[in-house]
Amino acid sequence: VFHEKPDYFVLAWDAPHKTIRHEQFAEYKGQRPELPDDFKHQIRMTKHIIDELGINYQEIPGYEADDIIATVAKRGAQEGHHVEIMTSDKDMKALICDSI
């Protein structure tokens, strides 16, 4: 990321709360197993390190990280920025266009 020297950088996390999708569809992600405790600990530690490094991240109750990424990417593209998304989430391919 920092080799590219971006003008803006956004890091997004899923909020630990239920999302608006859970309200619309009770079974949303119902088949997924709960995260293991050691992975939850790794997430907390990673967030702590990111805070200590002074890196801002977005975590919005009711929304998933991909919602945040999609919103920021679309707004950035509309404002004339070239947007790059780094994620393992295959759903983000739906955002690909000339400026994203």
PDB file of N, CA and C in Angstrom:
ATOM      1  N   VAL A   1       0.824  -1.194   0.000  1.00  0.00           N
ATOM      2  CA  VAL A   1       0.000   0.000   0.000  1.00  0.00           C
ATOM      3  C   VAL A   1       0.864   1.252   0.000  1.00  0.00           C
ATOM      4  N   PHE A   2       1.852   1.303   0.861  1.00  0.00           N
ATOM      5  CA  PHE A   2       2.602   2.538   1.009  1.00  0.00           C
ATOM      6  C   PHE A   2       3.640   2.737  -0.087  1.00  0.00           C
ATOM      7  N   HIS A   3       3.909   1.708  -0.899  1.00  0.00           N
ATOM      8  CA  HIS A   3       4.747   1.896  -2.086  1.00  0.00           C
ATOM      9  C   HIS A   3       4.023   2.760  -3.104  1.00  0.00           C
ATOM     10  N   GLU A   4       2.703   2.677  -3.114  1.00  0.00           N
ATOM     11  CA  GLU A   4       1.880   3.427  -4.060  1.00  0.00           C
ATOM     12  C   GLU A   4       1.754   4.897  -3.674  1.00  0.00           C
ATOM     13  N   LYS A   5       1.972   5.226  -2.406  1.00  0.00           N
ATOM     14  CA  LYS A   5       1.828   6.585  -1.884  1.00  0.00           C
ATOM     15  C   LYS A   5       0.463   7.185  -2.238  1.00  0.00           C
ATOM     16  N   PRO A   6      -0.598   6.580  -1.726  1.00  0.00           N
ATOM     17  CA  PRO A   6      -1.942   7.082  -2.052  1.00  0.00           C
ATOM     18  C   PRO A   6      -2.215   8.447  -1.417  1.00  0.00           C
ATOM     19  N   ASP A   7      -3.083   9.214  -2.065  1.00  0.00           N
ATOM     20  CA  ASP A   7      -3.518  10.491  -1.493  1.00  0.00           C
ATOM     21  C   ASP A   7      -4.433  10.258  -0.296  1.00  0.00           C
ATOM     22  N   TYR A   8      -5.218   9.187  -0.373  1.00  0.00           N
ATOM     23  CA  TYR A   8      -6.147   8.826   0.694  1.00  0.00           C
ATOM     24  C   TYR A   8      -6.044   7.329   0.926  1.00  0.00           C
ATOM     25  N   PHE A   9      -6.326   6.929   2.146  1.00  0.00           N
ATOM     26  CA  PHE A   9      -6.254   5.518   2.504  1.00  0.00           C
ATOM     27  C   PHE A   9      -7.372   5.235   3.500  1.00  0.00           C
ATOM     28  N   VAL A  10      -8.185   4.234   3.214  1.00  0.00           N
ATOM     29  CA  VAL A  10      -9.280   3.876   4.113  1.00  0.00           C
ATOM     30  C   VAL A  10      -9.168   2.403   4.458  1.00  0.00           C
ATOM     31  N   LEU A  11      -9.205   2.103   5.719  1.00  0.00           N
ATOM     32  CA  LEU A  11      -9.215   0.731   6.208  1.00  0.00           C
ATOM     33  C   LEU A  11     -10.576   0.506   6.848  1.00  0.00           C
ATOM     34  N   ALA A  12     -11.268  -0.552   6.439  1.00  0.00           N
ATOM     35  CA  ALA A  12     -12.623  -0.794   6.938  1.00  0.00           C
ATOM     36  C   ALA A  12     -12.711  -2.143   7.635  1.00  0.00           C
ATOM     37  N   TRP A  13     -13.480  -2.166   8.722  1.00  0.00           N
ATOM     38  CA  TRP A  13     -13.730  -3.386   9.484  1.00  0.00           C
ATOM     39  C   TRP A  13     -15.227  -3.641   9.557  1.00  0.00           C
ATOM     40  N   ASP A  14     -15.594  -4.905   9.631  1.00  0.00           N
ATOM     41  CA  ASP A  14     -16.976  -5.244   9.959  1.00  0.00           C
ATOM     42  C   ASP A  14     -17.214  -4.858  11.413  1.00  0.00           C
ATOM     43  N   ALA A  15     -18.338  -4.223  11.684  1.00  0.00           N
ATOM     44  CA  ALA A  15     -18.700  -3.928  13.068  1.00  0.00           C
ATOM     45  C   ALA A  15     -19.133  -5.239  13.730  1.00  0.00           C
ATOM     46  N   PRO A  16     -18.886  -5.392  15.024  1.00  0.00           N
ATOM     47  CA  PRO A  16     -19.229  -6.652  15.694  1.00  0.00           C
ATOM     48  C   PRO A  16     -20.724  -6.825  15.949  1.00  0.00           C
ATOM     49  N   HIS A  17     -21.528  -5.892  15.497  1.00  0.00           N
ATOM     50  CA  HIS A  17     -22.969  -5.925  15.736  1.00  0.00           C
ATOM     51  C   HIS A  17     -23.694  -6.509  14.528  1.00  0.00           C
ATOM     52  N   LYS A  18     -24.963  -6.792  14.712  1.00  0.00           N
ATOM     53  CA  LYS A  18     -25.781  -7.223  13.580  1.00  0.00           C
ATOM     54  C   LYS A  18     -25.923  -6.056  12.608  1.00  0.00           C
ATOM     55  N   THR A  19     -26.125  -6.405  11.342  1.00  0.00           N
ATOM     56  CA  THR A  19     -26.214  -5.381  10.309  1.00  0.00           C
ATOM     57  C   THR A  19     -27.658  -5.160   9.877  1.00  0.00           C
ATOM     58  N   ILE A  20     -27.831  -4.173   9.017  1.00  0.00           N
ATOM     59  CA  ILE A  20     -29.165  -3.915   8.474  1.00  0.00           C
ATOM     60  C   ILE A  20     -29.672  -5.122   7.695  1.00  0.00           C
ATOM     61  N   ARG A  21     -28.770  -5.918   7.162  1.00  0.00           N
ATOM     62  CA  ARG A  21     -29.186  -7.115   6.425  1.00  0.00           C
ATOM     63  C   ARG A  21     -29.811  -8.156   7.357  1.00  0.00           C
ATOM     64  N   HIS A  22     -29.336  -8.220   8.590  1.00  0.00           N
ATOM     65  CA  HIS A  22     -29.931  -9.139   9.567  1.00  0.00           C
ATOM     66  C   HIS A  22     -31.375  -8.748   9.872  1.00  0.00           C
ATOM     67  N   GLU A  23     -31.652  -7.448   9.873  1.00  0.00           N
ATOM     68  CA  GLU A  23     -33.017  -6.977  10.110  1.00  0.00           C
ATOM     69  C   GLU A  23     -33.926  -7.331   8.936  1.00  0.00           C
ATOM     70  N   GLN A  24     -33.357  -7.300   7.728  1.00  0.00           N
ATOM     71  CA  GLN A  24     -34.143  -7.582   6.526  1.00  0.00           C
ATOM     72  C   GLN A  24     -34.312  -9.075   6.283  1.00  0.00           C
ATOM     73  N   PHE A  25     -33.321  -9.849   6.706  1.00  0.00           N
ATOM     74  CA  PHE A  25     -33.320 -11.288   6.451  1.00  0.00           C
ATOM     75  C   PHE A  25     -32.723 -11.987   7.668  1.00  0.00           C
ATOM     76  N   ALA A  26     -33.559 -12.558   8.496  1.00  0.00           N
ATOM     77  CA  ALA A  26     -33.132 -13.134   9.779  1.00  0.00           C
ATOM     78  C   ALA A  26     -32.049 -14.195   9.628  1.00  0.00           C
ATOM     79  N   GLU A  27     -32.037 -14.911   8.527  1.00  0.00           N
ATOM     80  CA  GLU A  27     -31.066 -15.985   8.322  1.00  0.00           C
ATOM     81  C   GLU A  27     -29.760 -15.511   7.681  1.00  0.00           C
ATOM     82  N   TYR A  28     -29.582 -14.199   7.547  1.00  0.00           N
ATOM     83  CA  TYR A  28     -28.385 -13.677   6.894  1.00  0.00           C
ATOM     84  C   TYR A  28     -27.129 -14.210   7.586  1.00  0.00           C
ATOM     85  N   LYS A  29     -26.289 -14.858   6.823  1.00  0.00           N
ATOM     86  CA  LYS A  29     -25.043 -15.477   7.300  1.00  0.00           C
ATOM     87  C   LYS A  29     -25.286 -16.473   8.429  1.00  0.00           C
ATOM     88  N   GLY A  30     -26.476 -17.018   8.489  1.00  0.00           N
ATOM     89  CA  GLY A  30     -26.830 -17.959   9.545  1.00  0.00           C
ATOM     90  C   GLY A  30     -26.059 -19.263   9.491  1.00  0.00           C
ATOM     91  N   GLN A  31     -25.528 -19.600   8.333  1.00  0.00           N
ATOM     92  CA  GLN A  31     -24.782 -20.848   8.179  1.00  0.00           C
ATOM     93  C   GLN A  31     -23.309 -20.711   8.562  1.00  0.00           C
ATOM     94  N   ARG A  32     -22.855 -19.484   8.764  1.00  0.00           N
ATOM     95  CA  ARG A  32     -21.442 -19.280   9.083  1.00  0.00           C
ATOM     96  C   ARG A  32     -21.174 -19.609  10.544  1.00  0.00           C
ATOM     97  N   PRO A  33     -20.078 -20.320  10.793  1.00  0.00           N
ATOM     98  CA  PRO A  33     -19.730 -20.594  12.197  1.00  0.00           C
ATOM     99  C   PRO A  33     -19.239 -19.310  12.874  1.00  0.00           C
ATOM    100  N   GLU A  34     -19.367 -19.265  14.185  1.00  0.00           N
ATOM    101  CA  GLU A  34     -18.869 -18.117  14.937  1.00  0.00           C
ATOM    102  C   GLU A  34     -17.348 -18.082  14.838  1.00  0.00           C
ATOM    103  N   LEU A  35     -16.783 -16.888  14.866  1.00  0.00           N
ATOM    104  CA  LEU A  35     -15.331 -16.755  14.798  1.00  0.00           C
ATOM    105  C   LEU A  35     -14.699 -17.383  16.034  1.00  0.00           C
ATOM    106  N   PRO A  36     -13.597 -18.108  15.845  1.00  0.00           N
ATOM    107  CA  PRO A  36     -12.895 -18.679  17.002  1.00  0.00           C
ATOM    108  C   PRO A  36     -12.365 -17.564  17.917  1.00  0.00           C
ATOM    109  N   ASP A  37     -12.296 -17.843  19.205  1.00  0.00           N
ATOM    110  CA  ASP A  37     -11.837 -16.847  20.174  1.00  0.00           C
ATOM    111  C   ASP A  37     -10.437 -16.339  19.860  1.00  0.00           C
ATOM    112  N   ASP A  38      -9.535 -17.231  19.412  1.00  0.00           N
ATOM    113  CA  ASP A  38      -8.174 -16.773  19.123  1.00  0.00           C
ATOM    114  C   ASP A  38      -8.157 -15.811  17.932  1.00  0.00           C
ATOM    115  N   PHE A  39      -9.058 -16.001  16.966  1.00  0.00           N
ATOM    116  CA  PHE A  39      -9.134 -15.077  15.836  1.00  0.00           C
ATOM    117  C   PHE A  39      -9.704 -13.730  16.290  1.00  0.00           C
ATOM    118  N   LYS A  40     -10.698 -13.769  17.172  1.00  0.00           N
ATOM    119  CA  LYS A  40     -11.241 -12.524  17.726  1.00  0.00           C
ATOM    120  C   LYS A  40     -10.138 -11.750  18.453  1.00  0.00           C
ATOM    121  N   HIS A  41      -9.296 -12.480  19.177  1.00  0.00           N
ATOM    122  CA  HIS A  41      -8.174 -11.852  19.875  1.00  0.00           C
ATOM    123  C   HIS A  41      -7.209 -11.220  18.871  1.00  0.00           C
ATOM    124  N   GLN A  42      -6.934 -11.915  17.771  1.00  0.00           N
ATOM    125  CA  GLN A  42      -6.047 -11.376  16.736  1.00  0.00           C
ATOM    126  C   GLN A  42      -6.620 -10.089  16.144  1.00  0.00           C
ATOM    127  N   ILE A  43      -7.926 -10.057  15.952  1.00  0.00           N
ATOM    128  CA  ILE A  43      -8.563  -8.848  15.426  1.00  0.00           C
ATOM    129  C   ILE A  43      -8.387  -7.691  16.411  1.00  0.00           C
ATOM    130  N   ARG A  44      -8.636  -7.952  17.700  1.00  0.00           N
ATOM    131  CA  ARG A  44      -8.464  -6.901  18.718  1.00  0.00           C
ATOM    132  C   ARG A  44      -7.022  -6.393  18.742  1.00  0.00           C
ATOM    133  N   MET A  45      -6.067  -7.310  18.675  1.00  0.00           N
ATOM    134  CA  MET A  45      -4.652  -6.924  18.689  1.00  0.00           C
ATOM    135  C   MET A  45      -4.293  -6.119  17.438  1.00  0.00           C
ATOM    136  N   THR A  46      -4.805  -6.537  16.297  1.00  0.00           N
ATOM    137  CA  THR A  46      -4.539  -5.820  15.048  1.00  0.00           C
ATOM    138  C   THR A  46      -5.097  -4.405  15.119  1.00  0.00           C
ATOM    139  N   LYS A  47      -6.311  -4.262  15.634  1.00  0.00           N
ATOM    140  CA  LYS A  47      -6.900  -2.929  15.779  1.00  0.00           C
ATOM    141  C   LYS A  47      -6.073  -2.070  16.730  1.00  0.00           C
ATOM    142  N   HIS A  48      -5.580  -2.678  17.796  1.00  0.00           N
ATOM    143  CA  HIS A  48      -4.740  -1.945  18.749  1.00  0.00           C
ATOM    144  C   HIS A  48      -3.462  -1.453  18.064  1.00  0.00           C
ATOM    145  N   ILE A  49      -2.825  -2.316  17.301  1.00  0.00           N
ATOM    146  CA  ILE A  49      -1.594  -1.939  16.588  1.00  0.00           C
ATOM    147  C   ILE A  49      -1.885  -0.822  15.592  1.00  0.00           C
ATOM    148  N   ILE A  50      -2.979  -0.952  14.854  1.00  0.00           N
ATOM    149  CA  ILE A  50      -3.362   0.077  13.885  1.00  0.00           C
ATOM    150  C   ILE A  50      -3.589   1.412  14.592  1.00  0.00           C
ATOM    151  N   ASP A  51      -4.255   1.375  15.745  1.00  0.00           N
ATOM    152  CA  ASP A  51      -4.452   2.597  16.534  1.00  0.00           C
ATOM    153  C   ASP A  51      -3.118   3.201  16.952  1.00  0.00           C
ATOM    154  N   GLU A  52      -2.217   2.359  17.435  1.00  0.00           N
ATOM    155  CA  GLU A  52      -0.905   2.832  17.888  1.00  0.00           C
ATOM    156  C   GLU A  52      -0.101   3.444  16.747  1.00  0.00           C
ATOM    157  N   LEU A  53      -0.296   2.940  15.537  1.00  0.00           N
ATOM    158  CA  LEU A  53       0.399   3.483  14.369  1.00  0.00           C
ATOM    159  C   LEU A  53      -0.262   4.758  13.851  1.00  0.00           C
ATOM    160  N   GLY A  54      -1.406   5.092  14.422  1.00  0.00           N
ATOM    161  CA  GLY A  54      -2.101   6.304  14.010  1.00  0.00           C
ATOM    162  C   GLY A  54      -2.865   6.168  12.704  1.00  0.00           C
ATOM    163  N   ILE A  55      -3.169   4.936  12.328  1.00  0.00           N
ATOM    164  CA  ILE A  55      -3.921   4.697  11.095  1.00  0.00           C
ATOM    165  C   ILE A  55      -5.407   4.702  11.427  1.00  0.00           C
ATOM    166  N   ASN A  56      -6.146   5.516  10.712  1.00  0.00           N
ATOM    167  CA  ASN A  56      -7.585   5.620  10.931  1.00  0.00           C
ATOM    168  C   ASN A  56      -8.289   4.469  10.227  1.00  0.00           C
ATOM    169  N   TYR A  57      -9.281   3.917  10.880  1.00  0.00           N
ATOM    170  CA  TYR A  57     -10.100   2.903  10.223  1.00  0.00           C
ATOM    171  C   TYR A  57     -11.568   3.205  10.466  1.00  0.00           C
ATOM    172  N   GLN A  58     -12.398   2.666   9.599  1.00  0.00           N
ATOM    173  CA  GLN A  58     -13.835   2.872   9.687  1.00  0.00           C
ATOM    174  C   GLN A  58     -14.517   1.585  10.123  1.00  0.00           C
ATOM    175  N   GLU A  59     -15.390   1.707  11.085  1.00  0.00           N
ATOM    176  CA  GLU A  59     -16.211   0.594  11.564  1.00  0.00           C
ATOM    177  C   GLU A  59     -17.540   1.212  11.973  1.00  0.00           C
ATOM    178  N   ILE A  60     -18.568   0.944  11.201  1.00  0.00           N
ATOM    179  CA  ILE A  60     -19.850   1.610  11.400  1.00  0.00           C
ATOM    180  C   ILE A  60     -20.900   0.589  11.826  1.00  0.00           C
ATOM    181  N   PRO A  61     -21.470   0.742  13.030  1.00  0.00           N
ATOM    182  CA  PRO A  61     -22.500  -0.196  13.478  1.00  0.00           C
ATOM    183  C   PRO A  61     -23.636  -0.303  12.456  1.00  0.00           C
ATOM    184  N   GLY A  62     -24.030  -1.537  12.177  1.00  0.00           N
ATOM    185  CA  GLY A  62     -25.109  -1.785  11.230  1.00  0.00           C
ATOM    186  C   GLY A  62     -24.635  -2.044   9.813  1.00  0.00           C
ATOM    187  N   TYR A  63     -23.340  -1.838   9.567  1.00  0.00           N
ATOM    188  CA  TYR A  63     -22.799  -2.011   8.220  1.00  0.00           C
ATOM    189  C   TYR A  63     -21.576  -2.911   8.245  1.00  0.00           C
ATOM    190  N   GLU A  64     -21.337  -3.573   7.114  1.00  0.00           N
ATOM    191  CA  GLU A  64     -20.161  -4.417   6.962  1.00  0.00           C
ATOM    192  C   GLU A  64     -19.056  -3.615   6.284  1.00  0.00           C
ATOM    193  N   ALA A  65     -17.844  -4.119   6.391  1.00  0.00           N
ATOM    194  CA  ALA A  65     -16.707  -3.446   5.768  1.00  0.00           C
ATOM    195  C   ALA A  65     -16.924  -3.267   4.272  1.00  0.00           C
ATOM    196  N   ASP A  66     -17.522  -4.261   3.607  1.00  0.00           N
ATOM    197  CA  ASP A  66     -17.714  -4.116   2.160  1.00  0.00           C
ATOM    198  C   ASP A  66     -18.700  -2.998   1.824  1.00  0.00           C
ATOM    199  N   ASP A  67     -19.646  -2.706   2.719  1.00  0.00           N
ATOM    200  CA  ASP A  67     -20.540  -1.559   2.514  1.00  0.00           C
ATOM    201  C   ASP A  67     -19.740  -0.254   2.552  1.00  0.00           C
ATOM    202  N   ILE A  68     -18.845  -0.164   3.517  1.00  0.00           N
ATOM    203  CA  ILE A  68     -18.008   1.027   3.664  1.00  0.00           C
ATOM    204  C   ILE A  68     -17.100   1.174   2.449  1.00  0.00           C
ATOM    205  N   ILE A  69     -16.461   0.076   2.060  1.00  0.00           N
ATOM    206  CA  ILE A  69     -15.553   0.104   0.911  1.00  0.00           C
ATOM    207  C   ILE A  69     -16.294   0.543  -0.347  1.00  0.00           C
ATOM    208  N   ALA A  70     -17.457  -0.043  -0.591  1.00  0.00           N
ATOM    209  CA  ALA A  70     -18.226   0.301  -1.793  1.00  0.00           C
ATOM    210  C   ALA A  70     -18.619   1.774  -1.795  1.00  0.00           C
ATOM    211  N   THR A  71     -19.064   2.280  -0.654  1.00  0.00           N
ATOM    212  CA  THR A  71     -19.478   3.683  -0.572  1.00  0.00           C
ATOM    213  C   THR A  71     -18.307   4.619  -0.817  1.00  0.00           C
ATOM    214  N   VAL A  72     -17.189   4.363  -0.149  1.00  0.00           N
ATOM    215  CA  VAL A  72     -16.012   5.221  -0.304  1.00  0.00           C
ATOM    216  C   VAL A  72     -15.480   5.138  -1.735  1.00  0.00           C
ATOM    217  N   ALA A  73     -15.435   3.938  -2.298  1.00  0.00           N
ATOM    218  CA  ALA A  73     -14.923   3.763  -3.662  1.00  0.00           C
ATOM    219  C   ALA A  73     -15.788   4.507  -4.677  1.00  0.00           C
ATOM    220  N   LYS A  74     -17.095   4.348  -4.577  1.00  0.00           N
ATOM    221  CA  LYS A  74     -17.996   5.025  -5.523  1.00  0.00           C
ATOM    222  C   LYS A  74     -17.908   6.542  -5.394  1.00  0.00           C
ATOM    223  N   ARG A  75     -17.877   7.033  -4.164  1.00  0.00           N
ATOM    224  CA  ARG A  75     -17.775   8.490  -3.969  1.00  0.00           C
ATOM    225  C   ARG A  75     -16.443   9.017  -4.487  1.00  0.00           C
ATOM    226  N   GLY A  76     -15.375   8.286  -4.202  1.00  0.00           N
ATOM    227  CA  GLY A  76     -14.066   8.707  -4.699  1.00  0.00           C
ATOM    228  C   GLY A  76     -14.026   8.751  -6.216  1.00  0.00           C
ATOM    229  N   ALA A  77     -14.571   7.737  -6.857  1.00  0.00           N
ATOM    230  CA  ALA A  77     -14.611   7.697  -8.321  1.00  0.00           C
ATOM    231  C   ALA A  77     -15.454   8.849  -8.868  1.00  0.00           C
ATOM    232  N   GLN A  78     -16.583   9.133  -8.219  1.00  0.00           N
ATOM    233  CA  GLN A  78     -17.444  10.239  -8.663  1.00  0.00           C
ATOM    234  C   GLN A  78     -16.743  11.588  -8.537  1.00  0.00           C
ATOM    235  N   GLU A  79     -15.833  11.684  -7.582  1.00  0.00           N
ATOM    236  CA  GLU A  79     -15.087  12.933  -7.383  1.00  0.00           C
ATOM    237  C   GLU A  79     -13.841  13.004  -8.254  1.00  0.00           C
ATOM    238  N   GLY A  80     -13.654  12.001  -9.126  1.00  0.00           N
ATOM    239  CA  GLY A  80     -12.545  12.031 -10.073  1.00  0.00           C
ATOM    240  C   GLY A  80     -11.279  11.334  -9.621  1.00  0.00           C
ATOM    241  N   HIS A  81     -11.322  10.617  -8.521  1.00  0.00           N
ATOM    242  CA  HIS A  81     -10.146   9.903  -8.033  1.00  0.00           C
ATOM    243  C   HIS A  81     -10.048   8.526  -8.681  1.00  0.00           C
ATOM    244  N   HIS A  82      -8.824   8.057  -8.859  1.00  0.00           N
ATOM    245  CA  HIS A  82      -8.611   6.663  -9.253  1.00  0.00           C
ATOM    246  C   HIS A  82      -8.595   5.868  -7.950  1.00  0.00           C
ATOM    247  N   VAL A  83      -9.423   4.856  -7.856  1.00  0.00           N
ATOM    248  CA  VAL A  83      -9.600   4.102  -6.615  1.00  0.00           C
ATOM    249  C   VAL A  83      -9.066   2.687  -6.786  1.00  0.00           C
ATOM    250  N   GLU A  84      -8.287   2.239  -5.818  1.00  0.00           N
ATOM    251  CA  GLU A  84      -7.826   0.853  -5.784  1.00  0.00           C
ATOM    252  C   GLU A  84      -8.367   0.206  -4.519  1.00  0.00           C
ATOM    253  N   ILE A  85      -8.894  -0.997  -4.664  1.00  0.00           N
ATOM    254  CA  ILE A  85      -9.428  -1.747  -3.531  1.00  0.00           C
ATOM    255  C   ILE A  85      -8.558  -2.973  -3.327  1.00  0.00           C
ATOM    256  N   MET A  86      -8.121  -3.176  -2.103  1.00  0.00           N
ATOM    257  CA  MET A  86      -7.338  -4.359  -1.758  1.00  0.00           C
ATOM    258  C   MET A  86      -8.148  -5.181  -0.771  1.00  0.00           C
ATOM    259  N   THR A  87      -8.644  -6.316  -1.230  1.00  0.00           N
ATOM    260  CA  THR A  87      -9.479  -7.173  -0.401  1.00  0.00           C
ATOM    261  C   THR A  87      -9.478  -8.580  -0.973  1.00  0.00           C
ATOM    262  N   SER A  88      -9.808  -9.535  -0.139  1.00  0.00           N
ATOM    263  CA  SER A  88      -9.986 -10.910  -0.624  1.00  0.00           C
ATOM    264  C   SER A  88     -11.458 -11.188  -0.932  1.00  0.00           C
ATOM    265  N   ASP A  89     -12.326 -10.212  -0.694  1.00  0.00           N
ATOM    266  CA  ASP A  89     -13.764 -10.362  -0.912  1.00  0.00           C
ATOM    267  C   ASP A  89     -14.072 -10.306  -2.408  1.00  0.00           C
ATOM    268  N   LYS A  90     -14.458 -11.424  -2.959  1.00  0.00           N
ATOM    269  CA  LYS A  90     -14.736 -11.525  -4.400  1.00  0.00           C
ATOM    270  C   LYS A  90     -15.930 -10.669  -4.819  1.00  0.00           C
ATOM    271  N   ASP A  91     -16.837 -10.371  -3.901  1.00  0.00           N
ATOM    272  CA  ASP A  91     -17.994  -9.535  -4.229  1.00  0.00           C
ATOM    273  C   ASP A  91     -17.585  -8.132  -4.674  1.00  0.00           C
ATOM    274  N   MET A  92     -16.415  -7.693  -4.276  1.00  0.00           N
ATOM    275  CA  MET A  92     -15.959  -6.352  -4.635  1.00  0.00           C
ATOM    276  C   MET A  92     -15.707  -6.213  -6.133  1.00  0.00           C
ATOM    277  N   LYS A  93     -15.605  -7.338  -6.841  1.00  0.00           N
ATOM    278  CA  LYS A  93     -15.418  -7.279  -8.297  1.00  0.00           C
ATOM    279  C   LYS A  93     -16.569  -6.552  -8.973  1.00  0.00           C
ATOM    280  N   ALA A  94     -17.728  -6.525  -8.334  1.00  0.00           N
ATOM    281  CA  ALA A  94     -18.895  -5.838  -8.898  1.00  0.00           C
ATOM    282  C   ALA A  94     -18.664  -4.332  -9.020  1.00  0.00           C
ATOM    283  N   LEU A  95     -17.687  -3.794  -8.300  1.00  0.00           N
ATOM    284  CA  LEU A  95     -17.416  -2.358  -8.331  1.00  0.00           C
ATOM    285  C   LEU A  95     -16.471  -1.945  -9.454  1.00  0.00           C
ATOM    286  N   ILE A  96     -15.837  -2.909 -10.088  1.00  0.00           N
ATOM    287  CA  ILE A  96     -14.806  -2.597 -11.076  1.00  0.00           C
ATOM    288  C   ILE A  96     -15.384  -1.788 -12.238  1.00  0.00           C
ATOM    289  N   CYS A  97     -14.703  -0.674 -12.506  1.00  0.00           N
ATOM    290  CA  CYS A  97     -15.026   0.174 -13.654  1.00  0.00           C
ATOM    291  C   CYS A  97     -13.733   0.904 -14.028  1.00  0.00           C
ATOM    292  N   ASP A  98     -13.797   1.866 -14.927  1.00  0.00           N
ATOM    293  CA  ASP A  98     -12.583   2.558 -15.368  1.00  0.00           C
ATOM    294  C   ASP A  98     -11.826   3.233 -14.229  1.00  0.00           C
ATOM    295  N   SER A  99     -12.540   3.764 -13.250  1.00  0.00           N
ATOM    296  CA  SER A  99     -11.867   4.504 -12.181  1.00  0.00           C
ATOM    297  C   SER A  99     -11.713   3.710 -10.882  1.00  0.00           C
ATOM    298  N   ILE A 100     -12.240   2.490 -10.851  1.00  0.00           N
ATOM    299  CA  ILE A 100     -12.079   1.634  -9.664  1.00  0.00           C
ATOM    300  C   ILE A 100     -11.416   0.339 -10.097  1.00  0.00           C
TER     301      ILE A 100
END
